[in-house]
Amino acid sequence: MRKLLATLAILALGAGAAVAGPRIAIEVAGEANGTVVIELRDDLAPRHVERIVTLAEQGAYDGVVFHRVIEGFMAQTGDVEFGKGSDLSRAGMGGSALPDLKAEFSAAPFDRGVVGMARAQNPDSANSQFFIMFAPGHFLNGDYTVVGQVVSGMDVVDRIKRGAGQSGAVRNPDRMVKVTVQR
């Protein structure tokens, strides 16, 4: 009986322990300068997290701009196709050479600092772009895939250059200089 209780206690401790997913560190330059660290939620969206890790490890995110930044809402980046270089006229319209992902919706709410995958109207169209919430946006709950949470550097996120108008398109945008994976 003692052995059984000890085994159950060990199992209960293991079940309650949260296993941290991989993290990405984003070096931001522009109006905002500093590092943002995001803990990725592979428990909620394993395929989306795998995609972000793959692109970060390939260096695909390095130099990509925050092309859409809306005050009080979010900062969007991750267009590895059109979001870097000297011609940013199509920034936000691309993805990566990898196929789009099937949605991995969850009950996790879109609160301040939550990271979600951007997509087109089709729920299964997320590819490489993601956004970081400045404030709660619960109208997104259940309709967009939550992939992570900022664990440090939210002050850097708050300083990212804002865009103009309803679209949030940014002139001379801030960039992700380097994105690295931390395991």
N, C-alpha and C. Protein backbone atom coordinates (compact mmCIF):
# COMPACT_ATOMS: atom_id res chain seq x y z
N MET A 1 0.83 -1.20 0.00
CA MET A 1 0.00 0.00 0.00
C MET A 1 0.87 1.26 0.00
N ARG A 2 1.95 1.24 0.80
CA ARG A 2 2.85 2.38 0.85
C ARG A 2 3.48 2.65 -0.52
N LYS A 3 3.88 1.55 -1.17
CA LYS A 3 4.49 1.66 -2.50
C LYS A 3 3.49 2.27 -3.49
N LEU A 4 2.25 1.85 -3.42
CA LEU A 4 1.20 2.36 -4.29
C LEU A 4 0.99 3.86 -4.06
N LEU A 5 0.93 4.29 -2.80
CA LEU A 5 0.75 5.71 -2.47
C LEU A 5 1.94 6.54 -2.96
N ALA A 6 3.14 6.01 -2.80
CA ALA A 6 4.32 6.73 -3.27
C ALA A 6 4.30 6.88 -4.78
N THR A 7 3.92 5.82 -5.48
CA THR A 7 3.83 5.86 -6.94
C THR A 7 2.78 6.88 -7.38
N LEU A 8 1.61 6.86 -6.73
CA LEU A 8 0.56 7.82 -7.07
C LEU A 8 1.00 9.25 -6.80
N ALA A 9 1.73 9.47 -5.73
CA ALA A 9 2.22 10.82 -5.41
C ALA A 9 3.19 11.30 -6.47
N ILE A 10 4.07 10.43 -6.93
CA ILE A 10 5.03 10.80 -7.97
C ILE A 10 4.29 11.12 -9.27
N LEU A 11 3.31 10.29 -9.63
CA LEU A 11 2.53 10.53 -10.85
C LEU A 11 1.77 11.85 -10.76
N ALA A 12 1.20 12.14 -9.59
CA ALA A 12 0.45 13.39 -9.41
C ALA A 12 1.37 14.60 -9.56
N LEU A 13 2.56 14.51 -9.00
CA LEU A 13 3.52 15.61 -9.14
C LEU A 13 3.90 15.81 -10.59
N GLY A 14 4.14 14.73 -11.30
CA GLY A 14 4.52 14.80 -12.71
C GLY A 14 3.40 15.37 -13.56
N ALA A 15 2.16 15.01 -13.25
CA ALA A 15 1.03 15.48 -14.04
C ALA A 15 0.81 16.97 -13.87
N GLY A 16 1.12 17.51 -12.69
CA GLY A 16 0.88 18.92 -12.45
C GLY A 16 2.01 19.82 -12.92
N ALA A 17 3.15 19.23 -13.22
CA ALA A 17 4.29 20.03 -13.62
C ALA A 17 4.16 20.44 -15.08
N ALA A 18 4.25 21.72 -15.32
CA ALA A 18 4.18 22.20 -16.70
C ALA A 18 5.54 22.03 -17.35
N VAL A 19 5.54 21.47 -18.53
CA VAL A 19 6.78 21.30 -19.27
C VAL A 19 6.92 22.51 -20.19
N ALA A 20 7.99 23.26 -19.99
CA ALA A 20 8.20 24.45 -20.80
C ALA A 20 8.57 24.06 -22.21
N GLY A 21 7.98 24.77 -23.16
CA GLY A 21 8.30 24.54 -24.57
C GLY A 21 9.56 25.28 -24.94
N PRO A 22 9.95 25.20 -26.19
CA PRO A 22 11.12 25.96 -26.63
C PRO A 22 10.81 27.45 -26.57
N ARG A 23 11.86 28.24 -26.56
CA ARG A 23 11.72 29.69 -26.56
C ARG A 23 12.43 30.25 -27.78
N ILE A 24 11.95 31.39 -28.24
CA ILE A 24 12.70 32.13 -29.25
C ILE A 24 13.06 33.48 -28.66
N ALA A 25 14.26 33.93 -28.98
CA ALA A 25 14.73 35.26 -28.58
C ALA A 25 14.80 36.10 -29.85
N ILE A 26 14.12 37.22 -29.82
CA ILE A 26 14.06 38.12 -30.98
C ILE A 26 14.82 39.39 -30.64
N GLU A 27 15.89 39.67 -31.40
CA GLU A 27 16.62 40.92 -31.26
C GLU A 27 15.92 41.94 -32.16
N VAL A 28 15.35 42.97 -31.56
CA VAL A 28 14.59 43.98 -32.28
C VAL A 28 15.43 45.24 -32.44
N ALA A 29 15.38 45.86 -33.62
CA ALA A 29 16.07 47.12 -33.85
C ALA A 29 15.15 48.08 -34.59
N GLY A 30 15.30 49.35 -34.27
CA GLY A 30 14.49 50.41 -34.87
C GLY A 30 14.14 51.39 -33.77
N GLU A 31 12.87 51.79 -33.68
CA GLU A 31 12.43 52.62 -32.55
C GLU A 31 12.52 51.82 -31.27
N ALA A 32 12.22 50.54 -31.37
CA ALA A 32 12.37 49.63 -30.24
C ALA A 32 13.70 48.91 -30.42
N ASN A 33 14.50 48.89 -29.39
CA ASN A 33 15.78 48.18 -29.43
C ASN A 33 15.86 47.32 -28.19
N GLY A 34 16.10 46.03 -28.40
CA GLY A 34 16.21 45.13 -27.26
C GLY A 34 15.82 43.73 -27.66
N THR A 35 15.65 42.90 -26.66
CA THR A 35 15.35 41.48 -26.88
C THR A 35 13.98 41.13 -26.32
N VAL A 36 13.23 40.39 -27.12
CA VAL A 36 11.94 39.84 -26.71
C VAL A 36 12.09 38.33 -26.67
N VAL A 37 11.72 37.73 -25.54
CA VAL A 37 11.78 36.28 -25.42
C VAL A 37 10.35 35.75 -25.33
N ILE A 38 10.06 34.78 -26.21
CA ILE A 38 8.73 34.18 -26.28
C ILE A 38 8.83 32.70 -25.95
N GLU A 39 8.03 32.28 -24.98
CA GLU A 39 7.92 30.85 -24.70
C GLU A 39 6.85 30.29 -25.61
N LEU A 40 7.25 29.34 -26.44
CA LEU A 40 6.32 28.76 -27.41
C LEU A 40 5.50 27.66 -26.76
N ARG A 41 4.24 27.57 -27.13
CA ARG A 41 3.29 26.64 -26.52
C ARG A 41 3.06 25.42 -27.41
N ASP A 42 4.03 24.51 -27.41
CA ASP A 42 3.87 23.31 -28.23
C ASP A 42 2.80 22.38 -27.66
N ASP A 43 2.37 22.64 -26.42
CA ASP A 43 1.26 21.87 -25.86
C ASP A 43 -0.07 22.27 -26.50
N LEU A 44 -0.15 23.51 -27.01
CA LEU A 44 -1.37 24.01 -27.66
C LEU A 44 -1.33 23.87 -29.17
N ALA A 45 -0.18 24.10 -29.76
CA ALA A 45 -0.08 24.17 -31.22
C ALA A 45 1.25 23.57 -31.69
N PRO A 46 1.41 22.26 -31.58
CA PRO A 46 2.71 21.65 -31.90
C PRO A 46 3.18 21.89 -33.34
N ARG A 47 2.30 21.86 -34.32
CA ARG A 47 2.73 22.05 -35.71
C ARG A 47 3.14 23.51 -35.97
N HIS A 48 2.42 24.45 -35.39
CA HIS A 48 2.75 25.86 -35.55
C HIS A 48 4.07 26.18 -34.87
N VAL A 49 4.26 25.65 -33.66
CA VAL A 49 5.52 25.87 -32.94
C VAL A 49 6.68 25.26 -33.72
N GLU A 50 6.48 24.07 -34.24
CA GLU A 50 7.52 23.42 -35.04
C GLU A 50 7.90 24.31 -36.23
N ARG A 51 6.91 24.92 -36.87
CA ARG A 51 7.16 25.80 -38.02
C ARG A 51 8.00 27.01 -37.60
N ILE A 52 7.62 27.66 -36.51
CA ILE A 52 8.37 28.84 -36.05
C ILE A 52 9.80 28.45 -35.72
N VAL A 53 9.98 27.34 -35.02
CA VAL A 53 11.33 26.88 -34.66
C VAL A 53 12.14 26.59 -35.92
N THR A 54 11.53 25.90 -36.87
CA THR A 54 12.23 25.57 -38.13
C THR A 54 12.70 26.83 -38.85
N LEU A 55 11.79 27.79 -39.01
CA LEU A 55 12.14 29.03 -39.71
C LEU A 55 13.20 29.82 -38.95
N ALA A 56 13.10 29.85 -37.62
CA ALA A 56 14.10 30.56 -36.81
C ALA A 56 15.46 29.89 -36.95
N GLU A 57 15.49 28.56 -36.89
CA GLU A 57 16.76 27.84 -37.01
C GLU A 57 17.38 28.01 -38.40
N GLN A 58 16.56 28.18 -39.42
CA GLN A 58 17.05 28.42 -40.78
C GLN A 58 17.53 29.86 -40.99
N GLY A 59 17.24 30.74 -40.02
CA GLY A 59 17.58 32.15 -40.17
C GLY A 59 16.59 32.91 -41.04
N ALA A 60 15.46 32.29 -41.35
CA ALA A 60 14.47 32.90 -42.25
C ALA A 60 13.85 34.16 -41.67
N TYR A 61 13.74 34.25 -40.34
CA TYR A 61 13.13 35.42 -39.72
C TYR A 61 14.12 36.60 -39.57
N ASP A 62 15.39 36.34 -39.73
CA ASP A 62 16.39 37.40 -39.54
C ASP A 62 16.19 38.51 -40.57
N GLY A 63 16.04 39.74 -40.09
CA GLY A 63 15.85 40.89 -40.97
C GLY A 63 14.41 41.20 -41.34
N VAL A 64 13.45 40.38 -40.88
CA VAL A 64 12.04 40.59 -41.22
C VAL A 64 11.45 41.73 -40.39
N VAL A 65 10.64 42.57 -41.04
CA VAL A 65 10.07 43.76 -40.39
C VAL A 65 8.76 43.46 -39.68
N PHE A 66 8.40 44.37 -38.77
CA PHE A 66 7.07 44.41 -38.17
C PHE A 66 6.24 45.28 -39.11
N HIS A 67 5.57 44.64 -40.06
CA HIS A 67 4.92 45.36 -41.16
C HIS A 67 3.55 45.92 -40.82
N ARG A 68 2.91 45.38 -39.81
CA ARG A 68 1.56 45.82 -39.43
C ARG A 68 1.52 45.96 -37.91
N VAL A 69 1.40 47.19 -37.43
CA VAL A 69 1.43 47.45 -35.99
C VAL A 69 0.30 48.43 -35.66
N ILE A 70 -0.66 47.95 -34.88
CA ILE A 70 -1.85 48.74 -34.57
C ILE A 70 -1.87 49.05 -33.07
N GLU A 71 -1.85 50.33 -32.76
CA GLU A 71 -1.89 50.80 -31.37
C GLU A 71 -3.04 50.16 -30.61
N GLY A 72 -2.76 49.65 -29.42
CA GLY A 72 -3.79 49.05 -28.58
C GLY A 72 -4.24 47.67 -29.03
N PHE A 73 -3.60 47.12 -30.06
CA PHE A 73 -4.01 45.82 -30.57
C PHE A 73 -2.83 44.87 -30.66
N MET A 74 -2.00 44.98 -31.74
CA MET A 74 -0.93 44.01 -31.90
C MET A 74 0.14 44.51 -32.86
N ALA A 75 1.30 43.78 -32.83
CA ALA A 75 2.41 44.00 -33.77
C ALA A 75 2.60 42.71 -34.55
N GLN A 76 2.54 42.79 -35.88
CA GLN A 76 2.63 41.61 -36.73
C GLN A 76 3.93 41.60 -37.52
N THR A 77 4.52 40.41 -37.65
CA THR A 77 5.78 40.21 -38.35
C THR A 77 5.81 38.79 -38.91
N GLY A 78 6.95 38.40 -39.46
CA GLY A 78 7.14 37.02 -39.86
C GLY A 78 6.97 36.71 -41.33
N ASP A 79 6.77 37.73 -42.18
CA ASP A 79 6.64 37.48 -43.62
C ASP A 79 8.05 37.27 -44.18
N VAL A 80 8.49 36.02 -44.22
CA VAL A 80 9.86 35.71 -44.66
C VAL A 80 10.02 35.86 -46.17
N GLU A 81 8.91 35.92 -46.90
CA GLU A 81 8.96 36.06 -48.35
C GLU A 81 9.11 37.52 -48.78
N PHE A 82 8.27 38.40 -48.24
CA PHE A 82 8.26 39.80 -48.68
C PHE A 82 8.61 40.80 -47.57
N GLY A 83 8.92 40.34 -46.38
CA GLY A 83 9.10 41.23 -45.24
C GLY A 83 10.52 41.64 -44.93
N LYS A 84 11.42 41.50 -45.90
CA LYS A 84 12.80 41.97 -45.68
C LYS A 84 13.38 42.44 -47.00
N GLY A 85 14.46 43.19 -46.88
CA GLY A 85 15.08 43.75 -48.09
C GLY A 85 14.69 45.20 -48.27
N SER A 86 15.00 45.74 -49.44
CA SER A 86 14.74 47.16 -49.67
C SER A 86 13.33 47.44 -50.18
N ASP A 87 12.69 46.45 -50.81
CA ASP A 87 11.33 46.65 -51.32
C ASP A 87 10.34 45.95 -50.39
N LEU A 88 9.68 46.73 -49.56
CA LEU A 88 8.72 46.19 -48.60
C LEU A 88 7.28 46.42 -49.04
N SER A 89 7.07 46.75 -50.30
CA SER A 89 5.73 47.08 -50.78
C SER A 89 4.74 45.92 -50.65
N ARG A 90 5.22 44.69 -50.60
CA ARG A 90 4.34 43.52 -50.47
C ARG A 90 4.43 42.87 -49.09
N ALA A 91 5.10 43.52 -48.16
CA ALA A 91 5.25 42.96 -46.81
C ALA A 91 3.88 42.65 -46.21
N GLY A 92 3.75 41.45 -45.70
CA GLY A 92 2.49 41.00 -45.13
C GLY A 92 1.68 40.15 -46.08
N MET A 93 2.09 40.05 -47.33
CA MET A 93 1.34 39.27 -48.32
C MET A 93 1.93 37.88 -48.54
N GLY A 94 3.05 37.60 -47.90
CA GLY A 94 3.73 36.34 -48.16
C GLY A 94 3.80 35.42 -46.96
N GLY A 95 4.52 34.36 -47.16
CA GLY A 95 4.73 33.37 -46.11
C GLY A 95 6.11 32.79 -46.28
N SER A 96 6.19 31.49 -46.33
CA SER A 96 7.46 30.80 -46.57
C SER A 96 7.25 29.80 -47.70
N ALA A 97 8.31 29.09 -48.05
CA ALA A 97 8.21 28.06 -49.08
C ALA A 97 7.52 26.80 -48.56
N LEU A 98 7.27 26.74 -47.26
CA LEU A 98 6.63 25.59 -46.65
C LEU A 98 5.11 25.68 -46.81
N PRO A 99 4.41 24.55 -46.75
CA PRO A 99 2.95 24.58 -46.93
C PRO A 99 2.24 25.26 -45.75
N ASP A 100 1.04 25.77 -46.03
CA ASP A 100 0.22 26.35 -44.96
C ASP A 100 -0.12 25.29 -43.94
N LEU A 101 -0.50 25.75 -42.75
CA LEU A 101 -0.77 24.86 -41.62
C LEU A 101 -2.26 24.76 -41.32
N LYS A 102 -2.69 23.58 -40.91
CA LYS A 102 -4.05 23.38 -40.44
C LYS A 102 -4.18 24.06 -39.07
N ALA A 103 -5.27 24.76 -38.84
CA ALA A 103 -5.49 25.48 -37.60
C ALA A 103 -5.36 24.56 -36.38
N GLU A 104 -4.83 25.11 -35.30
CA GLU A 104 -4.74 24.42 -34.01
C GLU A 104 -5.35 25.34 -32.95
N PHE A 105 -6.64 25.59 -33.07
CA PHE A 105 -7.33 26.48 -32.14
C PHE A 105 -7.39 25.84 -30.75
N SER A 106 -7.39 26.70 -29.73
CA SER A 106 -7.46 26.22 -28.34
C SER A 106 -8.32 27.19 -27.53
N ALA A 107 -8.47 26.89 -26.27
CA ALA A 107 -9.23 27.76 -25.37
C ALA A 107 -8.35 28.85 -24.76
N ALA A 108 -7.07 28.87 -25.08
CA ALA A 108 -6.16 29.89 -24.53
C ALA A 108 -6.60 31.27 -25.03
N PRO A 109 -6.75 32.23 -24.11
CA PRO A 109 -7.23 33.56 -24.51
C PRO A 109 -6.12 34.45 -25.08
N PHE A 110 -6.52 35.37 -25.93
CA PHE A 110 -5.60 36.36 -26.48
C PHE A 110 -5.51 37.53 -25.50
N ASP A 111 -4.61 37.41 -24.55
CA ASP A 111 -4.34 38.45 -23.56
C ASP A 111 -3.08 39.22 -23.96
N ARG A 112 -2.76 40.26 -23.21
CA ARG A 112 -1.53 41.03 -23.44
C ARG A 112 -0.33 40.09 -23.43
N GLY A 113 0.53 40.22 -24.44
CA GLY A 113 1.75 39.42 -24.52
C GLY A 113 1.58 38.07 -25.18
N VAL A 114 0.36 37.68 -25.50
CA VAL A 114 0.13 36.40 -26.18
C VAL A 114 0.56 36.54 -27.64
N VAL A 115 1.10 35.46 -28.17
CA VAL A 115 1.56 35.43 -29.56
C VAL A 115 0.63 34.49 -30.33
N GLY A 116 0.12 34.98 -31.45
CA GLY A 116 -0.78 34.18 -32.29
C GLY A 116 -0.25 34.11 -33.71
N MET A 117 -0.72 33.12 -34.43
CA MET A 117 -0.35 32.99 -35.85
C MET A 117 -1.31 33.81 -36.70
N ALA A 118 -0.74 34.59 -37.59
CA ALA A 118 -1.54 35.34 -38.55
C ALA A 118 -1.98 34.40 -39.66
N ARG A 119 -3.11 34.72 -40.25
CA ARG A 119 -3.63 33.89 -41.34
C ARG A 119 -4.52 34.75 -42.22
N ALA A 120 -4.88 34.19 -43.38
CA ALA A 120 -5.85 34.84 -44.26
C ALA A 120 -7.25 34.43 -43.79
N GLN A 121 -8.24 34.66 -44.60
CA GLN A 121 -9.62 34.33 -44.21
C GLN A 121 -9.80 32.83 -43.96
N ASN A 122 -9.10 31.99 -44.69
CA ASN A 122 -9.15 30.54 -44.50
C ASN A 122 -8.47 30.19 -43.18
N PRO A 123 -9.15 29.53 -42.24
CA PRO A 123 -8.54 29.19 -40.95
C PRO A 123 -7.29 28.33 -41.07
N ASP A 124 -7.14 27.61 -42.18
CA ASP A 124 -5.99 26.73 -42.38
C ASP A 124 -4.94 27.36 -43.29
N SER A 125 -4.75 28.67 -43.18
CA SER A 125 -3.81 29.38 -44.06
C SER A 125 -2.62 29.99 -43.34
N ALA A 126 -2.44 29.70 -42.05
CA ALA A 126 -1.26 30.22 -41.34
C ALA A 126 -0.01 29.59 -41.95
N ASN A 127 1.08 30.37 -41.98
CA ASN A 127 2.30 29.86 -42.58
C ASN A 127 3.52 30.28 -41.77
N SER A 128 3.90 31.55 -41.82
CA SER A 128 5.10 32.01 -41.12
C SER A 128 4.86 33.25 -40.27
N GLN A 129 3.81 34.00 -40.58
CA GLN A 129 3.58 35.26 -39.89
C GLN A 129 2.94 35.05 -38.52
N PHE A 130 3.34 35.90 -37.57
CA PHE A 130 2.76 35.86 -36.23
C PHE A 130 2.61 37.28 -35.70
N PHE A 131 1.84 37.40 -34.62
CA PHE A 131 1.60 38.71 -34.02
C PHE A 131 1.68 38.61 -32.51
N ILE A 132 2.03 39.75 -31.89
CA ILE A 132 2.15 39.85 -30.43
C ILE A 132 1.11 40.87 -29.96
N MET A 133 0.31 40.49 -29.00
CA MET A 133 -0.77 41.35 -28.51
C MET A 133 -0.25 42.44 -27.56
N PHE A 134 -0.65 43.70 -27.83
CA PHE A 134 -0.39 44.81 -26.92
C PHE A 134 -1.38 44.82 -25.77
N ALA A 135 -2.58 44.33 -26.03
CA ALA A 135 -3.68 44.36 -25.07
C ALA A 135 -4.56 43.14 -25.34
N PRO A 136 -5.46 42.82 -24.42
CA PRO A 136 -6.37 41.69 -24.67
C PRO A 136 -7.17 41.90 -25.95
N GLY A 137 -7.37 40.82 -26.68
CA GLY A 137 -8.18 40.83 -27.90
C GLY A 137 -9.01 39.57 -27.94
N HIS A 138 -9.91 39.45 -26.97
CA HIS A 138 -10.67 38.20 -26.81
C HIS A 138 -11.58 37.88 -27.99
N PHE A 139 -11.84 38.85 -28.86
CA PHE A 139 -12.62 38.56 -30.06
C PHE A 139 -11.88 37.60 -30.99
N LEU A 140 -10.56 37.41 -30.77
CA LEU A 140 -9.77 36.45 -31.55
C LEU A 140 -9.84 35.03 -30.99
N ASN A 141 -10.30 34.90 -29.74
CA ASN A 141 -10.31 33.60 -29.06
C ASN A 141 -11.05 32.56 -29.88
N GLY A 142 -10.41 31.41 -30.06
CA GLY A 142 -11.01 30.30 -30.77
C GLY A 142 -11.00 30.42 -32.28
N ASP A 143 -10.56 31.57 -32.81
CA ASP A 143 -10.52 31.78 -34.26
C ASP A 143 -9.11 31.90 -34.81
N TYR A 144 -8.13 32.03 -33.93
CA TYR A 144 -6.72 32.12 -34.31
C TYR A 144 -5.93 31.20 -33.40
N THR A 145 -4.79 30.72 -33.89
CA THR A 145 -3.97 29.78 -33.13
C THR A 145 -3.01 30.51 -32.21
N VAL A 146 -3.10 30.22 -30.91
CA VAL A 146 -2.16 30.74 -29.92
C VAL A 146 -0.89 29.89 -29.99
N VAL A 147 0.26 30.55 -30.14
CA VAL A 147 1.52 29.81 -30.25
C VAL A 147 2.51 30.12 -29.14
N GLY A 148 2.25 31.16 -28.34
CA GLY A 148 3.22 31.48 -27.30
C GLY A 148 2.82 32.66 -26.45
N GLN A 149 3.78 33.05 -25.60
CA GLN A 149 3.58 34.14 -24.64
C GLN A 149 4.93 34.82 -24.43
N VAL A 150 4.94 36.15 -24.47
CA VAL A 150 6.16 36.90 -24.16
C VAL A 150 6.48 36.68 -22.69
N VAL A 151 7.70 36.22 -22.40
CA VAL A 151 8.12 36.01 -21.01
C VAL A 151 9.12 37.06 -20.55
N SER A 152 9.73 37.77 -21.49
CA SER A 152 10.54 38.94 -21.14
C SER A 152 10.66 39.83 -22.38
N GLY A 153 10.79 41.13 -22.11
CA GLY A 153 10.93 42.08 -23.20
C GLY A 153 9.63 42.69 -23.67
N MET A 154 8.58 42.61 -22.86
CA MET A 154 7.32 43.24 -23.26
C MET A 154 7.49 44.75 -23.38
N ASP A 155 8.44 45.32 -22.62
CA ASP A 155 8.73 46.74 -22.76
C ASP A 155 9.27 47.06 -24.16
N VAL A 156 10.01 46.13 -24.74
CA VAL A 156 10.51 46.30 -26.11
C VAL A 156 9.33 46.24 -27.08
N VAL A 157 8.45 45.27 -26.90
CA VAL A 157 7.26 45.15 -27.76
C VAL A 157 6.47 46.47 -27.71
N ASP A 158 6.30 47.02 -26.52
CA ASP A 158 5.53 48.26 -26.37
C ASP A 158 6.14 49.44 -27.13
N ARG A 159 7.44 49.38 -27.43
CA ARG A 159 8.11 50.48 -28.14
C ARG A 159 8.20 50.27 -29.66
N ILE A 160 7.70 49.14 -30.17
CA ILE A 160 7.75 48.90 -31.62
C ILE A 160 6.99 50.01 -32.34
N LYS A 161 7.57 50.50 -33.43
CA LYS A 161 6.99 51.61 -34.18
C LYS A 161 5.60 51.26 -34.69
N ARG A 162 4.64 52.15 -34.42
CA ARG A 162 3.25 51.95 -34.82
C ARG A 162 3.03 52.33 -36.28
N GLY A 163 2.03 51.68 -36.86
CA GLY A 163 1.64 51.97 -38.22
C GLY A 163 0.56 53.03 -38.26
N ALA A 164 0.15 53.36 -39.47
CA ALA A 164 -0.86 54.40 -39.68
C ALA A 164 -2.18 53.79 -40.12
N GLY A 165 -3.26 54.47 -39.78
CA GLY A 165 -4.59 54.08 -40.24
C GLY A 165 -5.06 52.76 -39.70
N GLN A 166 -6.19 52.31 -40.23
CA GLN A 166 -6.79 51.06 -39.79
C GLN A 166 -5.95 49.85 -40.14
N SER A 167 -5.20 49.92 -41.24
CA SER A 167 -4.39 48.78 -41.67
C SER A 167 -3.17 48.58 -40.79
N GLY A 168 -2.70 49.66 -40.18
CA GLY A 168 -1.51 49.56 -39.34
C GLY A 168 -0.22 49.42 -40.12
N ALA A 169 -0.25 49.70 -41.43
CA ALA A 169 0.95 49.60 -42.25
C ALA A 169 2.01 50.58 -41.74
N VAL A 170 3.25 50.09 -41.62
CA VAL A 170 4.32 50.87 -41.00
C VAL A 170 5.31 51.35 -42.07
N ARG A 171 5.62 52.64 -42.04
CA ARG A 171 6.69 53.20 -42.88
C ARG A 171 7.98 53.14 -42.07
N ASN A 172 9.06 52.71 -42.69
CA ASN A 172 10.35 52.55 -42.01
C ASN A 172 10.19 51.71 -40.73
N PRO A 173 9.73 50.49 -40.89
CA PRO A 173 9.40 49.65 -39.72
C PRO A 173 10.61 49.13 -38.95
N ASP A 174 10.33 48.77 -37.69
CA ASP A 174 11.31 48.07 -36.87
C ASP A 174 11.50 46.67 -37.44
N ARG A 175 12.63 46.04 -37.11
CA ARG A 175 12.98 44.73 -37.66
C ARG A 175 13.35 43.73 -36.58
N MET A 176 13.17 42.47 -36.93
CA MET A 176 13.74 41.39 -36.14
C MET A 176 15.13 41.14 -36.72
N VAL A 177 16.15 41.64 -36.07
CA VAL A 177 17.49 41.53 -36.59
C VAL A 177 17.94 40.07 -36.59
N LYS A 178 17.69 39.39 -35.48
CA LYS A 178 18.12 37.99 -35.33
C LYS A 178 17.09 37.29 -34.45
N VAL A 179 16.69 36.09 -34.87
CA VAL A 179 15.77 35.26 -34.08
C VAL A 179 16.46 33.93 -33.82
N THR A 180 16.63 33.61 -32.54
CA THR A 180 17.32 32.36 -32.17
C THR A 180 16.40 31.51 -31.30
N VAL A 181 16.63 30.22 -31.38
CA VAL A 181 15.85 29.25 -30.60
C VAL A 181 16.64 28.90 -29.34
N GLN A 182 15.94 28.90 -28.22
CA GLN A 182 16.50 28.50 -26.93
C GLN A 182 15.77 27.28 -26.45
N ARG A 183 16.49 26.22 -26.21
CA ARG A 183 15.82 24.96 -25.75
C ARG A 183 16.15 24.70 -24.32
